[in-house]
Amino acid sequence: MKTNGQRHRVTFERDEDGWWVAEAVDVGGCYTQAPSLAAARRRIREAMGLYDIPRTVELEETIDLNGLGNDVARVRDNGQAPACEVDRAVLALARAGLCRRDIRELLGLSTRRVLRASSARMAR
C-alpha cells in the first residue's frame, strides 16, 4: 500500500440518489458512502482505519460537483465575494440537490447566510 508520505487522495462525488460516495484513491477497495459530505469525510477515515491508516493522515480531497466547482471556488476563495455571486452559488448547489448543510460546508458560509440566499430567491 502506498502512503504518499502520510497523505492520501480521496475523491467525493454524489450518486444518483444524492448520497456522497468517498473513495481513497490510493488505497485499493477503500470507499464508503453517506448522506452528507461531513459524514462521508468521517466514514472514509473510519474505512481507511480498516487498512491501518491512522486518522491523523492528511487527506488531499477532490470533490466532484458536476461542473459547479468554479462557482464554489469563486465564493470560497474570495472571503468578500459579492452577495449576488454568493446567492448564485448557493442556488446552483441547491438546484443540484445539495442540502443546506453541504452547501454551507462547501462554500464556507454560515447557516444564516445560506438561508438568506435561499430566501432571496423565493422573494423574487
Protein backbone atom coordinates (compact mmCIF):
# COMPACT_ATOMS: atom_id res chain seq x y z
CA MET A 1 0.00 0.00 0.00
CA LYS A 2 1.28 3.46 -0.97
CA THR A 3 1.28 6.05 1.84
CA ASN A 4 2.36 9.13 -0.17
CA GLY A 5 4.27 10.43 2.85
CA GLN A 6 1.23 10.26 5.15
CA ARG A 7 -1.04 11.94 2.60
CA HIS A 8 -3.87 10.16 0.79
CA ARG A 9 -6.00 11.24 -2.13
CA VAL A 10 -9.75 10.99 -1.55
CA THR A 11 -12.50 11.72 -4.07
CA PHE A 12 -16.06 12.65 -3.19
CA GLU A 13 -18.96 12.58 -5.63
CA ARG A 14 -22.71 12.29 -5.39
CA ASP A 15 -24.53 9.25 -6.71
CA GLU A 16 -27.92 9.25 -8.45
CA ASP A 17 -29.71 9.02 -5.08
CA GLY A 18 -27.92 12.10 -3.70
CA TRP A 19 -25.55 10.21 -1.39
CA TRP A 20 -21.88 11.14 -1.22
CA VAL A 21 -19.51 8.37 -2.30
CA ALA A 22 -15.97 8.71 -0.96
CA GLU A 23 -13.03 6.72 -2.25
CA ALA A 24 -9.46 6.63 -1.00
CA VAL A 25 -7.88 6.54 -4.46
CA ASP A 26 -4.52 5.12 -3.45
CA VAL A 27 -5.97 2.52 -1.06
CA GLY A 28 -7.42 -0.18 -3.30
CA GLY A 29 -11.03 -1.02 -2.47
CA CYS A 30 -11.40 1.62 0.25
CA TYR A 31 -14.63 3.53 -0.19
CA THR A 32 -17.81 4.42 1.65
CA GLN A 33 -20.99 6.45 1.27
CA ALA A 34 -23.00 8.83 3.43
CA PRO A 35 -25.95 11.24 3.16
CA SER A 36 -23.82 14.34 3.86
CA LEU A 37 -20.33 15.46 2.97
CA ALA A 38 -19.33 15.74 6.63
CA ALA A 39 -20.50 12.18 7.29
CA ALA A 40 -18.65 10.93 4.18
CA ARG A 41 -15.47 12.55 5.47
CA ARG A 42 -15.85 10.81 8.84
CA ARG A 43 -16.70 7.48 7.27
CA ILE A 44 -13.80 7.45 4.81
CA ARG A 45 -11.42 7.94 7.73
CA GLU A 46 -13.10 5.01 9.50
CA ALA A 47 -12.79 2.89 6.35
CA MET A 48 -9.13 3.84 5.98
CA GLY A 49 -8.62 2.75 9.59
CA LEU A 50 -9.53 -0.78 8.49
CA TYR A 51 -6.40 -0.59 6.31
CA ASP A 52 -4.33 0.50 9.34
CA ILE A 53 -4.10 4.09 8.13
CA PRO A 54 -4.07 6.47 11.11
CA ARG A 55 -6.83 9.09 11.47
CA THR A 56 -4.14 11.78 11.57
CA VAL A 57 -3.11 11.21 7.96
CA GLU A 58 -3.64 14.23 5.73
CA LEU A 59 -6.30 13.88 3.04
CA GLU A 60 -6.00 15.53 -0.35
CA GLU A 61 -9.66 15.94 -1.30
CA THR A 62 -11.21 16.21 -4.73
CA ILE A 63 -14.92 16.98 -4.72
CA ASP A 64 -16.76 16.36 -7.98
CA LEU A 65 -19.60 18.88 -8.27
CA ASN A 66 -20.61 18.18 -11.87
CA GLY A 67 -19.39 21.48 -13.28
CA LEU A 68 -20.22 23.65 -10.25
CA GLY A 69 -16.67 23.65 -8.89
CA ASN A 70 -15.82 27.06 -10.34
CA ASP A 71 -18.81 28.69 -8.61
CA VAL A 72 -17.77 27.13 -5.32
CA ALA A 73 -14.11 28.14 -5.72
CA ARG A 74 -15.00 31.76 -6.55
CA VAL A 75 -17.03 32.13 -3.36
CA ARG A 76 -14.81 30.05 -1.10
CA ASP A 77 -11.55 31.67 -2.23
CA ASN A 78 -12.95 35.20 -2.03
CA GLY A 79 -13.95 35.88 1.58
CA GLN A 80 -15.62 39.11 0.43
CA ALA A 81 -17.45 37.76 -2.62
CA PRO A 82 -20.34 39.98 -3.77
CA ALA A 83 -23.71 38.96 -2.36
CA CYS A 84 -25.10 38.24 -5.82
CA GLU A 85 -22.23 35.80 -6.50
CA VAL A 86 -22.79 34.04 -3.18
CA ASP A 87 -26.54 33.82 -3.87
CA ARG A 88 -25.87 32.42 -7.35
CA ALA A 89 -23.52 29.73 -5.99
CA VAL A 90 -25.95 28.76 -3.20
CA LEU A 91 -28.85 28.48 -5.64
CA ALA A 92 -26.82 26.47 -8.17
CA LEU A 93 -25.83 23.97 -5.48
CA ALA A 94 -29.40 23.80 -4.16
CA ARG A 95 -30.71 23.15 -7.69
CA ALA A 96 -28.14 20.36 -7.99
CA GLY A 97 -29.82 18.76 -4.97
CA LEU A 98 -27.32 19.53 -2.22
CA CYS A 99 -28.67 20.04 1.27
CA ARG A 100 -28.06 23.30 3.14
CA ARG A 101 -25.53 21.64 5.42
CA ASP A 102 -23.39 20.54 2.45
CA ILE A 103 -23.77 23.95 0.78
CA ARG A 104 -22.63 25.64 3.98
CA GLU A 105 -19.60 23.37 4.27
CA LEU A 106 -18.58 23.64 0.61
CA LEU A 107 -18.85 27.42 0.47
CA GLY A 108 -17.56 28.13 3.96
CA LEU A 109 -20.71 30.08 4.87
CA SER A 110 -22.82 30.31 7.98
CA THR A 111 -26.19 28.61 8.12
CA ARG A 112 -27.82 32.04 8.30
CA ARG A 113 -26.07 33.16 5.09
CA VAL A 114 -27.20 30.04 3.22
CA LEU A 115 -30.76 30.55 4.42
CA ARG A 116 -30.67 34.22 3.39
CA ALA A 117 -29.53 33.29 -0.13
CA SER A 118 -32.27 30.67 -0.34
CA SER A 119 -34.98 33.09 0.76
CA ALA A 120 -33.66 35.81 -1.58
CA ARG A 121 -34.63 33.53 -4.46
CA MET A 122 -38.10 32.97 -3.07
CA ALA A 123 -38.65 36.73 -2.69
CA ARG A 124 -38.06 37.27 -6.42
